[in-house]
N, C-alpha and C. Protein backbone atom coordinates (compact mmCIF):
# COMPACT_ATOMS: atom_id res chain seq x y z
N MET A 1 107.75 112.55 66.58
CA MET A 1 108.78 112.16 67.56
C MET A 1 108.77 110.61 67.69
N SER A 2 109.91 109.98 67.70
CA SER A 2 109.92 108.55 67.83
C SER A 2 110.41 108.15 69.21
N ALA A 3 110.19 106.90 69.54
CA ALA A 3 110.64 106.43 70.88
C ALA A 3 112.11 106.34 70.92
N LYS A 4 112.70 107.02 71.93
CA LYS A 4 114.06 106.99 72.10
C LYS A 4 114.42 106.02 73.28
N THR A 5 115.62 105.64 73.41
CA THR A 5 116.04 104.78 74.46
C THR A 5 116.40 105.50 75.67
N ALA A 6 115.98 105.06 76.84
CA ALA A 6 116.28 105.76 78.11
C ALA A 6 117.73 105.69 78.39
N SER A 7 118.18 106.52 79.38
CA SER A 7 119.60 106.62 79.72
C SER A 7 120.23 105.28 80.13
N ASP A 8 119.44 104.42 80.68
CA ASP A 8 119.98 103.06 81.07
C ASP A 8 120.08 102.10 79.90
N ASN A 9 119.68 102.52 78.74
CA ASN A 9 119.79 101.72 77.50
C ASN A 9 119.02 100.42 77.60
N SER A 10 118.13 100.23 78.58
CA SER A 10 117.37 99.00 78.67
C SER A 10 115.88 99.21 78.62
N ALA A 11 115.43 100.46 78.52
CA ALA A 11 113.98 100.73 78.50
C ALA A 11 113.67 101.81 77.51
N ILE A 12 112.48 101.66 76.94
CA ILE A 12 112.02 102.68 75.99
C ILE A 12 111.53 103.87 76.77
N THR A 13 111.83 105.07 76.26
CA THR A 13 111.39 106.30 76.91
C THR A 13 110.03 106.63 76.31
N LEU A 14 109.09 106.88 77.20
CA LEU A 14 107.71 107.23 76.82
C LEU A 14 107.71 108.70 76.31
N VAL A 15 107.52 108.83 75.03
CA VAL A 15 107.48 110.24 74.43
C VAL A 15 106.22 110.54 73.65
N ASP A 16 105.52 109.46 73.19
CA ASP A 16 104.28 109.68 72.44
C ASP A 16 103.44 108.38 72.46
N ARG A 17 102.31 108.42 71.77
CA ARG A 17 101.40 107.29 71.73
C ARG A 17 102.10 106.00 71.19
N ASN A 18 102.92 106.20 70.22
CA ASN A 18 103.64 105.00 69.66
C ASN A 18 104.57 104.34 70.62
N SER A 19 105.07 105.02 71.58
CA SER A 19 106.02 104.40 72.49
C SER A 19 105.31 103.80 73.71
N TRP A 20 104.00 104.04 73.87
CA TRP A 20 103.24 103.55 75.08
C TRP A 20 103.34 101.99 75.21
N PRO A 21 103.01 101.23 74.19
CA PRO A 21 102.98 99.76 74.42
C PRO A 21 104.37 99.22 74.90
N GLY A 22 105.42 99.69 74.30
CA GLY A 22 106.77 99.19 74.69
C GLY A 22 107.09 99.65 76.07
N TRP A 23 106.81 100.93 76.36
CA TRP A 23 107.11 101.45 77.67
C TRP A 23 106.32 100.76 78.74
N TYR A 24 105.02 100.51 78.49
CA TYR A 24 104.16 99.89 79.41
C TYR A 24 104.61 98.46 79.76
N ALA A 25 105.06 97.76 78.66
CA ALA A 25 105.61 96.40 78.87
C ALA A 25 106.85 96.48 79.72
N GLY A 26 107.69 97.51 79.55
CA GLY A 26 108.84 97.64 80.39
C GLY A 26 108.49 97.96 81.80
N LEU A 27 107.51 98.78 81.99
CA LEU A 27 107.01 99.07 83.34
C LEU A 27 106.55 97.86 84.05
N GLN A 28 105.75 97.03 83.37
CA GLN A 28 105.32 95.76 83.99
C GLN A 28 106.47 94.88 84.35
N HIS A 29 107.38 94.75 83.45
CA HIS A 29 108.56 93.97 83.70
C HIS A 29 109.27 94.41 84.93
N GLN A 30 109.55 95.66 84.98
CA GLN A 30 110.30 96.27 86.12
C GLN A 30 109.49 96.01 87.40
N ALA A 31 108.22 96.28 87.40
CA ALA A 31 107.43 96.06 88.65
C ALA A 31 107.34 94.61 89.01
N HIS A 32 107.19 93.66 88.04
CA HIS A 32 107.15 92.28 88.38
C HIS A 32 108.50 91.85 88.99
N ASN A 33 109.59 92.38 88.48
CA ASN A 33 110.93 92.05 89.06
C ASN A 33 111.09 92.57 90.42
N LEU A 34 110.45 93.66 90.76
CA LEU A 34 110.52 94.18 92.13
C LEU A 34 109.40 93.65 93.04
N HIS A 35 108.57 92.75 92.45
CA HIS A 35 107.49 92.15 93.17
C HIS A 35 106.48 93.13 93.75
N ILE A 36 106.20 94.23 92.98
CA ILE A 36 105.26 95.23 93.43
C ILE A 36 104.15 95.51 92.42
N TRP A 37 104.04 94.73 91.33
CA TRP A 37 102.94 95.02 90.40
C TRP A 37 101.63 95.00 91.04
N HIS A 38 101.35 94.11 91.99
CA HIS A 38 100.07 94.12 92.67
C HIS A 38 99.78 95.41 93.44
N LEU A 39 100.84 96.14 93.78
CA LEU A 39 100.68 97.44 94.51
C LEU A 39 100.44 98.62 93.62
N ILE A 40 101.02 98.53 92.39
CA ILE A 40 100.90 99.72 91.47
C ILE A 40 100.13 99.46 90.21
N ASP A 41 99.55 98.28 90.06
CA ASP A 41 98.77 98.02 88.88
C ASP A 41 97.63 99.12 88.68
N PRO A 42 97.68 99.85 87.59
CA PRO A 42 96.72 100.90 87.44
C PRO A 42 95.35 100.42 87.16
N ASP A 43 95.15 99.15 86.79
CA ASP A 43 93.85 98.60 86.53
C ASP A 43 93.18 98.07 87.81
N GLU A 44 93.91 98.05 88.92
CA GLU A 44 93.27 97.64 90.20
C GLU A 44 92.37 98.80 90.68
N LEU A 45 91.29 98.45 91.20
CA LEU A 45 90.29 99.51 91.52
C LEU A 45 90.73 100.38 92.74
N SER A 46 91.48 99.91 93.65
CA SER A 46 91.89 100.67 94.84
C SER A 46 92.74 101.81 94.44
N ASN A 47 92.64 102.92 95.14
CA ASN A 47 93.42 104.11 94.86
C ASN A 47 94.54 104.30 95.86
N ASP A 48 94.70 103.41 96.77
CA ASP A 48 95.57 103.66 97.90
C ASP A 48 96.91 102.84 97.78
N ASP A 49 97.71 103.21 96.73
CA ASP A 49 98.99 102.49 96.58
C ASP A 49 99.98 103.06 97.61
N GLU A 50 99.67 104.25 98.16
CA GLU A 50 100.52 104.81 99.26
C GLU A 50 99.90 104.40 100.54
N GLU A 51 100.43 103.37 101.19
CA GLU A 51 99.85 102.87 102.43
C GLU A 51 100.15 103.79 103.59
N GLU A 52 99.34 103.74 104.60
CA GLU A 52 99.50 104.47 105.84
C GLU A 52 100.61 103.77 106.69
N ARG A 53 101.45 104.70 107.28
CA ARG A 53 102.47 104.14 108.20
C ARG A 53 101.80 103.46 109.38
N PRO A 54 102.32 102.28 109.81
CA PRO A 54 101.72 101.63 110.97
C PRO A 54 101.82 102.50 112.20
N LYS A 55 100.80 102.38 113.03
CA LYS A 55 100.71 103.23 114.24
C LYS A 55 101.54 102.56 115.40
N ARG A 56 102.28 103.35 116.11
CA ARG A 56 103.04 102.87 117.23
C ARG A 56 102.12 102.39 118.30
N PRO A 57 102.32 101.17 118.84
CA PRO A 57 101.41 100.68 119.89
C PRO A 57 101.60 101.38 121.21
N THR A 58 100.53 101.49 121.93
CA THR A 58 100.50 102.14 123.25
C THR A 58 99.85 101.21 124.26
N ALA A 59 100.06 101.52 125.54
CA ALA A 59 99.44 100.74 126.59
C ALA A 59 97.91 100.89 126.51
N LYS A 60 97.44 102.03 126.16
CA LYS A 60 95.99 102.23 126.04
C LYS A 60 95.47 101.33 124.91
N GLY A 61 96.22 101.32 123.76
CA GLY A 61 95.82 100.46 122.66
C GLY A 61 95.83 98.99 123.06
N ALA A 62 96.84 98.55 123.87
CA ALA A 62 96.92 97.17 124.31
C ALA A 62 95.71 96.83 125.22
N ARG A 63 95.34 97.77 126.12
CA ARG A 63 94.20 97.58 126.97
C ARG A 63 92.96 97.44 126.14
N GLU A 64 92.72 98.30 125.16
CA GLU A 64 91.52 98.25 124.31
C GLU A 64 91.50 96.93 123.50
N ARG A 65 92.64 96.56 123.06
CA ARG A 65 92.69 95.23 122.32
C ARG A 65 92.24 94.07 123.20
N LEU A 66 92.80 94.08 124.45
CA LEU A 66 92.41 93.01 125.38
C LEU A 66 90.90 93.07 125.72
N LEU A 67 90.36 94.24 125.89
CA LEU A 67 88.96 94.41 126.14
C LEU A 67 88.12 93.85 124.99
N GLN A 68 88.54 94.19 123.77
CA GLN A 68 87.84 93.74 122.64
C GLN A 68 87.91 92.20 122.53
N LYS A 69 89.06 91.63 122.75
CA LYS A 69 89.17 90.16 122.77
C LYS A 69 88.23 89.57 123.81
N ALA A 70 88.17 90.15 124.97
CA ALA A 70 87.32 89.66 126.03
C ALA A 70 85.83 89.71 125.65
N ARG A 71 85.43 90.83 125.00
CA ARG A 71 84.09 90.97 124.58
C ARG A 71 83.71 89.92 123.53
N ILE A 72 84.63 89.64 122.59
CA ILE A 72 84.41 88.60 121.57
C ILE A 72 84.26 87.25 122.22
N GLU A 73 85.16 86.90 123.13
CA GLU A 73 85.11 85.62 123.82
C GLU A 73 83.82 85.49 124.64
N SER A 74 83.39 86.54 125.24
CA SER A 74 82.19 86.52 126.04
C SER A 74 80.95 86.34 125.17
N ALA A 75 81.00 86.99 124.04
CA ALA A 75 79.85 86.86 123.03
C ALA A 75 79.84 85.44 122.49
N LYS A 76 80.94 84.88 122.17
CA LYS A 76 81.03 83.48 121.69
C LYS A 76 80.45 82.54 122.74
N ALA A 77 80.90 82.76 123.99
CA ALA A 77 80.45 81.87 125.07
C ALA A 77 78.92 82.00 125.27
N ALA A 78 78.38 83.24 125.20
CA ALA A 78 77.00 83.51 125.38
C ALA A 78 76.22 82.77 124.30
N ARG A 79 76.68 82.86 123.03
CA ARG A 79 76.04 82.19 121.95
C ARG A 79 76.05 80.64 122.12
N ALA A 80 77.11 80.14 122.71
CA ALA A 80 77.25 78.71 122.93
C ALA A 80 76.47 78.25 124.12
N GLY A 81 75.94 79.20 124.89
CA GLY A 81 75.18 78.86 126.11
C GLY A 81 76.01 78.53 127.32
N THR A 82 77.31 78.82 127.23
CA THR A 82 78.16 78.52 128.39
C THR A 82 78.72 79.80 128.96
N PRO A 83 78.95 79.90 130.20
CA PRO A 83 79.54 81.17 130.71
C PRO A 83 80.93 81.39 130.15
N GLY A 84 81.19 82.60 129.64
CA GLY A 84 82.45 82.89 129.04
C GLY A 84 83.52 83.21 129.99
N SER A 85 84.74 83.29 129.54
CA SER A 85 85.88 83.65 130.36
C SER A 85 85.69 85.12 130.75
N GLN A 86 85.70 85.43 131.96
CA GLN A 86 85.42 86.80 132.41
C GLN A 86 86.67 87.49 132.92
N SER A 87 87.89 87.00 132.56
CA SER A 87 89.09 87.54 133.09
C SER A 87 89.43 88.93 132.58
N LEU A 88 88.91 89.24 131.38
CA LEU A 88 89.28 90.55 130.80
C LEU A 88 88.00 91.28 130.45
N GLY A 89 88.11 92.62 130.31
CA GLY A 89 86.99 93.38 129.84
C GLY A 89 86.57 94.50 130.76
N SER A 90 85.52 95.18 130.32
CA SER A 90 84.99 96.29 131.09
C SER A 90 83.95 95.88 132.08
N SER A 91 83.39 96.79 132.74
CA SER A 91 82.39 96.45 133.71
C SER A 91 81.00 96.23 133.06
N GLU A 92 80.93 96.29 131.71
CA GLU A 92 79.68 96.06 131.04
C GLU A 92 79.24 94.63 131.33
N SER A 93 77.98 94.44 131.29
CA SER A 93 77.49 93.09 131.44
C SER A 93 76.45 92.83 130.34
N SER A 94 76.52 91.68 129.70
CA SER A 94 75.54 91.33 128.72
C SER A 94 74.45 90.61 129.43
N ALA A 95 73.31 90.39 128.78
CA ALA A 95 72.12 89.79 129.39
C ALA A 95 72.52 88.51 130.16
N GLY A 96 72.42 88.54 131.45
CA GLY A 96 72.58 87.38 132.27
C GLY A 96 74.01 87.01 132.53
N SER A 97 74.99 87.70 131.97
CA SER A 97 76.42 87.42 132.16
C SER A 97 76.99 88.30 133.16
N PRO A 98 77.91 87.78 134.00
CA PRO A 98 78.54 88.68 134.99
C PRO A 98 79.43 89.65 134.16
N PRO A 99 79.71 90.82 134.77
CA PRO A 99 80.56 91.86 134.12
C PRO A 99 81.97 91.38 133.88
N LEU A 100 82.50 91.83 132.78
CA LEU A 100 83.90 91.55 132.45
C LEU A 100 84.81 92.30 133.36
N VAL A 101 85.99 91.71 133.69
CA VAL A 101 86.92 92.35 134.61
C VAL A 101 88.01 93.09 133.80
N GLU A 102 88.42 94.25 134.30
CA GLU A 102 89.48 95.04 133.67
C GLU A 102 90.75 94.19 133.62
N PRO A 103 91.48 94.26 132.48
CA PRO A 103 92.78 93.53 132.36
C PRO A 103 93.79 94.04 133.37
N THR A 104 94.64 93.14 133.79
CA THR A 104 95.68 93.55 134.78
C THR A 104 96.82 94.25 134.06
N GLU A 105 97.65 94.92 134.81
CA GLU A 105 98.82 95.59 134.25
C GLU A 105 99.75 94.58 133.55
N LEU A 106 99.90 93.41 134.13
CA LEU A 106 100.78 92.39 133.56
C LEU A 106 100.18 91.92 132.16
N GLU A 107 98.89 91.71 132.13
CA GLU A 107 98.23 91.40 130.84
C GLU A 107 98.38 92.46 129.83
N ILE A 108 98.21 93.70 130.28
CA ILE A 108 98.42 94.83 129.33
C ILE A 108 99.82 94.90 128.85
N GLU A 109 100.80 94.73 129.70
CA GLU A 109 102.25 94.73 129.33
C GLU A 109 102.57 93.62 128.36
N GLU A 110 102.04 92.43 128.60
CA GLU A 110 102.27 91.33 127.69
C GLU A 110 101.72 91.57 126.32
N GLU A 111 100.49 92.11 126.32
CA GLU A 111 99.84 92.44 125.02
C GLU A 111 100.60 93.55 124.28
N LEU A 112 101.11 94.50 125.07
CA LEU A 112 101.89 95.59 124.45
C LEU A 112 103.14 95.09 123.79
N ILE A 113 103.78 94.09 124.49
CA ILE A 113 105.02 93.49 123.93
C ILE A 113 104.67 92.80 122.61
N ARG A 114 103.56 92.03 122.53
CA ARG A 114 103.11 91.38 121.32
C ARG A 114 102.84 92.45 120.22
N MET A 115 102.18 93.51 120.61
CA MET A 115 101.80 94.52 119.61
C MET A 115 103.08 95.23 119.12
N LYS A 116 104.11 95.38 119.95
CA LYS A 116 105.36 96.03 119.51
C LYS A 116 106.09 95.07 118.54
N ARG A 117 106.02 93.81 118.73
CA ARG A 117 106.63 92.84 117.78
C ARG A 117 105.89 92.97 116.43
N ASP A 118 104.58 92.98 116.45
CA ASP A 118 103.79 93.13 115.22
C ASP A 118 104.11 94.45 114.57
N TYR A 119 104.22 95.55 115.33
CA TYR A 119 104.49 96.84 114.82
C TYR A 119 105.86 96.83 114.11
N ALA A 120 106.88 96.24 114.71
CA ALA A 120 108.23 96.24 114.11
C ALA A 120 108.15 95.48 112.78
N SER A 121 107.40 94.39 112.69
CA SER A 121 107.25 93.67 111.48
C SER A 121 106.54 94.49 110.43
N GLU A 122 105.45 95.11 110.79
CA GLU A 122 104.68 95.97 109.84
C GLU A 122 105.49 97.10 109.37
N LEU A 123 106.26 97.71 110.24
CA LEU A 123 107.07 98.90 109.92
C LEU A 123 108.15 98.49 108.92
N LYS A 124 108.76 97.30 109.13
CA LYS A 124 109.80 96.81 108.19
C LYS A 124 109.18 96.61 106.81
N ILE A 125 108.02 96.00 106.67
CA ILE A 125 107.35 95.81 105.41
C ILE A 125 106.98 97.15 104.82
N PHE A 126 106.46 98.09 105.59
CA PHE A 126 106.13 99.39 105.13
C PHE A 126 107.31 100.13 104.50
N ASN A 127 108.37 100.14 105.28
CA ASN A 127 109.59 100.83 104.82
C ASN A 127 110.13 100.17 103.54
N SER A 128 110.12 98.85 103.51
CA SER A 128 110.61 98.12 102.33
C SER A 128 109.77 98.46 101.08
N GLU A 129 108.48 98.41 101.27
CA GLU A 129 107.59 98.79 100.16
C GLU A 129 107.77 100.22 99.66
N ASN A 130 108.06 101.11 100.64
CA ASN A 130 108.27 102.49 100.22
C ASN A 130 109.56 102.68 99.47
N VAL A 131 110.59 101.92 99.84
CA VAL A 131 111.86 101.98 99.06
C VAL A 131 111.67 101.46 97.64
N VAL A 132 110.94 100.35 97.53
CA VAL A 132 110.68 99.82 96.22
C VAL A 132 109.76 100.80 95.39
N ARG A 133 108.78 101.36 96.03
CA ARG A 133 107.92 102.35 95.28
C ARG A 133 108.77 103.53 94.81
N ALA A 134 109.64 103.99 95.67
CA ALA A 134 110.53 105.13 95.32
C ALA A 134 111.42 104.76 94.14
N SER A 135 111.93 103.50 94.14
CA SER A 135 112.73 102.97 92.99
C SER A 135 111.88 102.95 91.75
N MET A 136 110.62 102.52 91.85
CA MET A 136 109.75 102.49 90.70
C MET A 136 109.50 103.85 90.23
N MET A 137 109.25 104.81 91.08
CA MET A 137 109.04 106.20 90.67
C MET A 137 110.25 106.76 89.98
N SER A 138 111.42 106.44 90.43
CA SER A 138 112.65 106.88 89.80
C SER A 138 112.73 106.27 88.41
N TRP A 139 112.37 105.03 88.26
CA TRP A 139 112.43 104.34 86.91
C TRP A 139 111.42 105.08 85.98
N ILE A 140 110.26 105.37 86.47
CA ILE A 140 109.28 106.06 85.68
C ILE A 140 109.79 107.43 85.23
N LYS A 141 110.35 108.16 86.21
CA LYS A 141 110.89 109.52 85.87
C LYS A 141 112.01 109.45 84.85
N SER A 142 112.82 108.42 84.92
CA SER A 142 113.93 108.33 84.00
C SER A 142 113.54 107.73 82.60
N THR A 143 112.33 107.20 82.55
CA THR A 143 111.95 106.59 81.30
C THR A 143 110.72 107.33 80.61
N VAL A 144 110.40 108.47 81.13
CA VAL A 144 109.31 109.23 80.59
C VAL A 144 109.90 110.61 80.14
N ASP A 145 109.56 111.05 78.97
CA ASP A 145 109.98 112.38 78.46
C ASP A 145 109.72 113.38 79.54
N ASP A 146 110.68 114.30 79.81
CA ASP A 146 110.63 115.28 80.87
C ASP A 146 109.35 116.14 80.78
N GLU A 147 109.04 116.64 79.60
CA GLU A 147 107.85 117.47 79.40
C GLU A 147 106.57 116.71 79.73
N LEU A 148 106.50 115.45 79.31
CA LEU A 148 105.31 114.63 79.55
C LEU A 148 105.23 114.35 81.02
N TYR A 149 106.35 114.03 81.69
CA TYR A 149 106.34 113.75 83.11
C TYR A 149 105.85 114.88 83.90
N LEU A 150 106.44 116.07 83.59
CA LEU A 150 106.04 117.29 84.37
C LEU A 150 104.56 117.66 84.15
N THR A 151 104.11 117.46 82.92
CA THR A 151 102.69 117.69 82.64
C THR A 151 101.79 116.82 83.49
N ALA A 152 102.17 115.51 83.57
CA ALA A 152 101.36 114.58 84.37
C ALA A 152 101.42 114.98 85.84
N LEU A 153 102.58 115.37 86.35
CA LEU A 153 102.69 115.79 87.74
C LEU A 153 101.84 116.99 87.98
N PHE A 154 101.87 117.97 87.05
CA PHE A 154 101.12 119.14 87.23
C PHE A 154 99.62 118.85 87.28
N LYS A 155 99.11 117.98 86.41
CA LYS A 155 97.75 117.59 86.42
C LYS A 155 97.34 116.85 87.65
N LEU A 156 98.25 116.06 88.20
CA LEU A 156 98.01 115.33 89.44
C LEU A 156 97.95 116.26 90.66
N GLN A 157 98.75 117.37 90.60
CA GLN A 157 98.89 118.32 91.64
C GLN A 157 97.50 118.97 91.94
N ASN A 158 96.73 119.11 90.90
CA ASN A 158 95.40 119.75 91.02
C ASN A 158 94.30 118.80 91.55
N THR A 159 94.70 117.57 91.77
CA THR A 159 93.76 116.51 92.27
C THR A 159 94.20 116.02 93.67
N ASN A 160 93.49 115.14 94.18
CA ASN A 160 93.90 114.48 95.45
C ASN A 160 94.53 113.20 95.20
N ARG A 161 94.95 112.91 94.00
CA ARG A 161 95.52 111.65 93.62
C ARG A 161 97.07 111.67 93.81
N ARG A 162 97.58 110.64 94.47
CA ARG A 162 98.99 110.59 94.70
C ARG A 162 99.54 109.14 94.51
N GLY A 163 100.82 109.03 94.29
CA GLY A 163 101.47 107.73 94.28
C GLY A 163 101.77 107.25 92.92
N VAL A 164 102.54 106.13 92.80
CA VAL A 164 103.01 105.54 91.58
C VAL A 164 101.82 105.15 90.73
N LYS A 165 100.88 104.51 91.36
CA LYS A 165 99.71 104.04 90.56
C LYS A 165 99.04 105.19 89.84
N GLU A 166 98.94 106.31 90.53
CA GLU A 166 98.23 107.51 90.02
C GLU A 166 99.04 108.16 88.91
N ILE A 167 100.35 108.19 88.96
CA ILE A 167 101.14 108.72 87.84
C ILE A 167 101.00 107.89 86.62
N ILE A 168 100.99 106.58 86.81
CA ILE A 168 100.77 105.65 85.71
C ILE A 168 99.37 105.88 85.05
N ARG A 169 98.36 106.03 85.90
CA ARG A 169 97.03 106.28 85.40
C ARG A 169 96.96 107.59 84.63
N MET A 170 97.61 108.65 85.19
CA MET A 170 97.60 109.92 84.50
C MET A 170 98.32 109.85 83.13
N LEU A 171 99.43 109.19 83.09
CA LEU A 171 100.20 109.03 81.83
C LEU A 171 99.30 108.24 80.87
N ARG A 172 98.60 107.30 81.35
CA ARG A 172 97.72 106.47 80.47
C ARG A 172 96.58 107.34 79.92
N GLU A 173 95.98 108.18 80.78
CA GLU A 173 94.97 109.10 80.36
C GLU A 173 95.44 110.07 79.24
N MET A 174 96.69 110.48 79.44
CA MET A 174 97.23 111.51 78.55
C MET A 174 97.73 110.92 77.22
N ILE A 175 98.25 109.71 77.23
CA ILE A 175 98.99 109.27 76.08
C ILE A 175 98.71 107.92 75.53
N ALA A 176 98.06 107.03 76.28
CA ALA A 176 97.84 105.65 75.75
C ALA A 176 96.99 105.73 74.53
N PRO A 177 97.37 105.01 73.46
CA PRO A 177 96.61 105.06 72.17
C PRO A 177 95.17 104.49 72.19
N SER A 178 94.92 103.55 73.03
CA SER A 178 93.59 102.97 73.11
C SER A 178 93.46 102.16 74.38
N GLU A 179 92.23 101.84 74.77
CA GLU A 179 91.96 101.07 75.96
C GLU A 179 92.67 99.69 75.91
N THR A 180 92.73 99.13 74.73
CA THR A 180 93.35 97.81 74.58
C THR A 180 94.85 97.82 74.90
N ASN A 181 95.50 98.95 74.71
CA ASN A 181 96.91 99.00 74.97
C ASN A 181 97.19 99.40 76.42
N THR A 182 96.20 99.70 77.21
CA THR A 182 96.40 100.01 78.61
C THR A 182 96.38 98.84 79.55
N ARG A 183 95.82 97.76 79.07
CA ARG A 183 95.75 96.56 79.91
C ARG A 183 97.15 95.84 79.91
N GLU A 184 97.26 94.85 80.71
CA GLU A 184 98.54 94.09 80.82
C GLU A 184 98.90 93.57 79.46
N VAL A 185 100.11 93.98 79.03
CA VAL A 185 100.57 93.57 77.70
C VAL A 185 101.05 92.09 77.77
N GLU A 186 100.62 91.32 76.86
CA GLU A 186 101.11 89.90 76.78
C GLU A 186 102.26 89.89 75.82
N LEU A 187 103.39 89.52 76.32
CA LEU A 187 104.59 89.43 75.47
C LEU A 187 104.61 88.05 74.80
N PRO A 188 105.04 87.99 73.50
CA PRO A 188 105.14 86.69 72.84
C PRO A 188 106.18 85.80 73.52
N VAL A 189 105.91 84.54 73.58
CA VAL A 189 106.83 83.60 74.17
C VAL A 189 107.35 82.72 73.08
N ASP A 190 108.70 82.63 73.04
CA ASP A 190 109.35 81.79 72.03
C ASP A 190 109.13 80.36 72.37
N THR A 191 108.65 79.56 71.44
CA THR A 191 108.44 78.14 71.69
C THR A 191 109.41 77.34 70.83
N PRO A 192 109.98 76.28 71.30
CA PRO A 192 110.92 75.50 70.45
C PRO A 192 110.20 74.75 69.35
């Protein structure tokens, strides 16, 4: 079987070992264009290309964050030999330091507002990355032979491995001709 051209006429369809280098180069090109190669690079050691959705901030979380900040400031002040700011924190006391005071409702509300701004930003990034990952998965599905793609999905289904990075790794395990062809492909550059 030879490498055929994908339906978009711009990428090689992965059908056998011979088509791997060209397909992999196309995959890298597509991922670099979408600015997500760092997220799906199968040679990266991390397995978590599917990130966790940011957690919605709560007043309890804001209180805990303020208490943690107060503990850190108190520890810094104790190390420096000066009394630390005791405006926030629990009733715990460190050696020789007066106990930290519970944050006020106003302080908690202000911290919660900051946390909600951070959450909105993190959620926007998370959603954006998920859209791009889905686009990348669609590209992979459209450029891999159906039988090969389904076999890779079936093999992944029996593991705890998920995500774009893992489908690429599985395809590589199944079809890449050698270890040298699985690393980032260097394309020749025309020089004048």
